[in-house]
């Protein structure tokens, strides 16, 4: 809000992502930006939110189910990391043995978590999407605030995020600028 108050007539504010998951007011900031028609360059947190909300809505998940499936998603991520480690260390028998044990433990944890939510059958990447946003990147607070909004406001937030930019090219005083959250596409 201090940055907004510093704007002068003719100034234009661009926000370069990660508005959410930085405390309890991320959804309030998005709603304010929407009112002001502030251009948003999508950050990884907003991207993660879109992916996770898509999964939550597709399966109509409760908070308890989200929690259980986050555990499964964390296990999926750990399995994938162990597999990558094996590929990177094909001749190291200690690494191979350690990863084999880790994969077995994670598969067990994944099965137990999935069994806690028998009514849905998520794909590994869907469970991982929940874990990455809700579990690993502080999305739970943001999701709870989002979930308190009326459905029409939730839909408006989703549309705003879907319509946001990956990057913006601007020229200021004859100088070209590329506004991006991180390294721009295709990297």
Protein backbone atom coordinates (compact mmCIF):
# COMPACT_ATOMS: atom_id res chain seq x y z
CA UNK A 1 0.00 0.00 0.00
CA UNK A 2 2.96 2.31 0.63
CA UNK A 3 4.12 1.76 -2.96
CA UNK A 4 0.64 2.58 -4.25
CA UNK A 5 0.56 5.78 -2.19
CA UNK A 6 3.89 6.86 -3.72
CA UNK A 7 2.51 6.75 -7.27
CA UNK A 8 2.14 10.08 -9.02
CA UNK A 9 -0.27 11.01 -11.81
CA UNK A 10 0.75 9.14 -14.95
CA UNK A 11 2.67 6.43 -13.07
CA UNK A 12 1.78 2.83 -13.78
CA UNK A 13 2.30 0.03 -11.25
CA UNK A 14 3.30 -3.43 -12.45
CA UNK A 15 3.49 -6.31 -9.99
CA UNK A 16 5.98 -9.08 -10.76
CA UNK A 17 4.39 -12.03 -9.00
CA UNK A 18 4.43 -13.79 -5.66
CA UNK A 19 1.70 -11.57 -4.25
CA UNK A 20 0.31 -14.52 -2.31
CA UNK A 21 1.78 -16.88 0.29
CA UNK A 22 3.76 -14.11 1.96
CA UNK A 23 1.39 -13.69 4.88
CA UNK A 24 -2.34 -13.69 5.60
CA UNK A 25 -3.32 -10.78 3.29
CA UNK A 26 -2.32 -12.07 -0.16
CA UNK A 27 -5.91 -12.51 -1.33
CA UNK A 28 -6.76 -8.99 -0.10
CA UNK A 29 -3.84 -7.65 -2.15
CA UNK A 30 -5.05 -9.53 -5.25
CA UNK A 31 -8.56 -8.14 -4.79
CA UNK A 32 -7.14 -4.61 -4.48
CA UNK A 33 -5.02 -5.12 -7.60
CA UNK A 34 -8.07 -6.36 -9.47
CA UNK A 35 -10.01 -3.22 -8.51
CA UNK A 36 -7.13 -1.02 -9.66
CA UNK A 37 -6.66 -3.11 -12.84
CA UNK A 38 -3.00 -3.55 -11.93
CA UNK A 39 -1.09 -5.67 -14.46
CA UNK A 40 0.29 -8.81 -12.81
CA UNK A 41 3.16 -10.89 -14.09
CA UNK A 42 2.40 -14.36 -12.82
CA UNK A 43 4.81 -15.63 -10.16
CA UNK A 44 5.44 -19.24 -9.29
CA UNK A 45 3.15 -18.97 -6.25
CA UNK A 46 0.21 -17.75 -8.33
CA UNK A 47 0.91 -20.49 -10.87
CA UNK A 48 0.99 -23.08 -8.07
CA UNK A 49 -2.30 -21.71 -6.72
CA UNK A 50 -4.00 -22.03 -10.10
CA UNK A 51 -2.83 -25.63 -10.45
CA UNK A 52 -3.82 -26.64 -6.90
CA UNK A 53 -7.22 -24.88 -7.00
CA UNK A 54 -7.90 -26.71 -10.25
CA UNK A 55 -7.26 -30.04 -8.51
CA UNK A 56 -9.27 -29.05 -5.42
CA UNK A 57 -12.25 -28.01 -7.53
CA UNK A 58 -12.03 -31.00 -9.87
CA UNK A 59 -12.36 -33.42 -6.95
CA UNK A 60 -14.28 -31.16 -4.52
CA UNK A 61 -11.67 -31.80 -1.81
CA UNK A 62 -12.12 -30.97 1.86
CA UNK A 63 -9.30 -29.50 3.97
CA UNK A 64 -8.75 -32.91 5.60
CA UNK A 65 -8.48 -34.58 2.20
CA UNK A 66 -6.13 -31.85 0.97
CA UNK A 67 -3.90 -32.49 4.00
CA UNK A 68 -3.83 -36.24 3.41
CA UNK A 69 -3.14 -35.80 -0.29
CA UNK A 70 -0.36 -33.28 0.44
CA UNK A 71 1.41 -36.06 2.35
CA UNK A 72 1.02 -38.28 -0.71
CA UNK A 73 2.29 -35.45 -2.93
CA UNK A 74 5.33 -34.99 -0.71
CA UNK A 75 6.03 -38.71 -1.04
CA UNK A 76 5.71 -38.48 -4.84
CA UNK A 77 8.20 -35.63 -4.88
CA UNK A 78 10.65 -37.56 -2.69
CA UNK A 79 10.31 -40.63 -4.93
CA UNK A 80 11.05 -38.52 -8.01
CA UNK A 81 14.09 -36.99 -6.31
CA UNK A 82 15.41 -40.44 -5.38
CA UNK A 83 14.92 -41.66 -8.94
CA UNK A 84 16.83 -38.62 -10.25
CA UNK A 85 19.58 -39.27 -7.72
CA UNK A 86 19.86 -42.86 -8.95
CA UNK A 87 20.18 -41.63 -12.53
CA UNK A 88 22.87 -39.14 -11.50
CA UNK A 89 24.82 -41.79 -9.54
CA UNK A 90 24.40 -45.01 -11.53
CA UNK A 91 27.66 -46.55 -10.27
CA UNK A 92 27.38 -45.62 -6.59
CA UNK A 93 25.96 -48.68 -4.84
CA UNK A 94 25.51 -46.83 -1.51
CA UNK A 95 23.43 -44.11 -3.15
CA UNK A 96 21.43 -46.73 -5.06
CA UNK A 97 20.73 -48.72 -1.87
CA UNK A 98 19.80 -45.61 0.14
CA UNK A 99 17.46 -44.41 -2.62
CA UNK A 100 15.86 -47.84 -2.97
CA UNK A 101 15.02 -47.81 0.74
CA UNK A 102 13.76 -44.21 0.56
CA UNK A 103 11.55 -45.04 -2.42
CA UNK A 104 10.04 -48.03 -0.58
CA UNK A 105 9.31 -45.90 2.50
CA UNK A 106 7.79 -43.12 0.40
CA UNK A 107 5.65 -45.56 -1.59
CA UNK A 108 4.26 -46.88 1.72
CA UNK A 109 3.54 -43.35 2.99
CA UNK A 110 1.93 -42.46 -0.36
CA UNK A 111 -0.36 -45.54 -0.24
CA UNK A 112 -1.41 -44.81 3.35
CA UNK A 113 -2.22 -41.19 2.51
CA UNK A 114 -4.15 -42.13 -0.63
CA UNK A 115 -6.08 -44.78 1.32
CA UNK A 116 -7.22 -42.04 3.71
CA UNK A 117 -9.10 -40.46 0.78
CA UNK A 118 -10.67 -43.46 -0.98
CA UNK A 119 -13.35 -41.51 -2.88
CA UNK A 120 -10.87 -39.88 -5.28
CA UNK A 121 -8.09 -41.18 -7.49
CA UNK A 122 -5.60 -38.42 -8.14
CA UNK A 123 -2.68 -38.66 -10.52
CA UNK A 124 0.81 -38.24 -9.06
CA UNK A 125 1.22 -34.78 -10.59
CA UNK A 126 -2.10 -33.66 -9.05
CA UNK A 127 -1.01 -34.79 -5.57
CA UNK A 128 2.32 -33.11 -6.11
CA UNK A 129 0.57 -29.86 -7.15
CA UNK A 130 -1.31 -29.83 -3.84
CA UNK A 131 1.84 -30.51 -1.86
CA UNK A 132 3.96 -27.92 -3.66
CA UNK A 133 1.48 -25.10 -3.05
CA UNK A 134 -0.26 -26.03 0.21
CA UNK A 135 2.50 -27.97 1.94
CA UNK A 136 5.81 -26.59 0.75
CA UNK A 137 5.04 -22.99 -0.21
CA UNK A 138 2.77 -21.68 2.55
CA UNK A 139 -0.35 -21.82 0.38
CA UNK A 140 -2.58 -23.05 3.20
CA UNK A 141 -3.11 -19.55 4.62
CA UNK A 142 -3.82 -18.20 1.14
CA UNK A 143 -6.20 -21.06 0.37
CA UNK A 144 -8.12 -20.51 3.60
CA UNK A 145 -8.54 -16.80 2.76
CA UNK A 146 -9.54 -17.67 -0.81
CA UNK A 147 -12.01 -20.26 0.48
CA UNK A 148 -13.75 -17.63 2.66
CA UNK A 149 -14.61 -15.56 -0.44
CA UNK A 150 -18.00 -15.91 -2.09
CA UNK A 151 -17.86 -18.22 -5.14
CA UNK A 152 -18.21 -15.32 -7.60
CA UNK A 153 -15.19 -13.57 -6.03
CA UNK A 154 -13.21 -16.82 -6.08
CA UNK A 155 -14.00 -17.17 -9.77
CA UNK A 156 -12.97 -13.55 -10.39
CA UNK A 157 -9.61 -14.14 -8.66
CA UNK A 158 -9.00 -17.27 -10.74
CA UNK A 159 -9.89 -15.38 -13.95
CA UNK A 160 -7.57 -12.50 -12.99
CA UNK A 161 -4.70 -14.93 -12.43
CA UNK A 162 -5.44 -16.86 -15.62
CA UNK A 163 -5.47 -13.58 -17.57
CA UNK A 164 -2.18 -12.37 -16.03
CA UNK A 165 1.05 -12.10 -17.96
CA UNK A 166 4.08 -14.38 -18.13
CA UNK A 167 6.13 -11.31 -19.00
CA UNK A 168 5.56 -7.76 -20.27
CA UNK A 169 7.70 -5.87 -22.77
CA UNK A 170 7.78 -2.11 -22.14
CA UNK A 171 9.72 0.80 -23.58
CA UNK A 172 10.42 3.69 -21.23
CA UNK A 173 12.27 6.79 -22.45
CA UNK A 174 13.33 4.83 -25.53
CA UNK A 175 14.83 1.97 -23.50
CA UNK A 176 13.37 -1.52 -23.81
CA UNK A 177 12.50 -3.41 -20.63
CA UNK A 178 11.31 -6.94 -20.02
CA UNK A 179 9.24 -7.30 -16.87
CA UNK A 180 9.31 -10.88 -15.60
CA UNK A 181 9.01 -12.70 -12.31
CA UNK A 182 12.11 -14.76 -12.99
CA UNK A 183 14.11 -15.83 -16.02
CA UNK A 184 11.73 -15.25 -18.92
CA UNK A 185 10.51 -17.94 -21.28
CA UNK A 186 11.68 -20.19 -22.81
CA UNK A 187 14.09 -20.79 -19.89
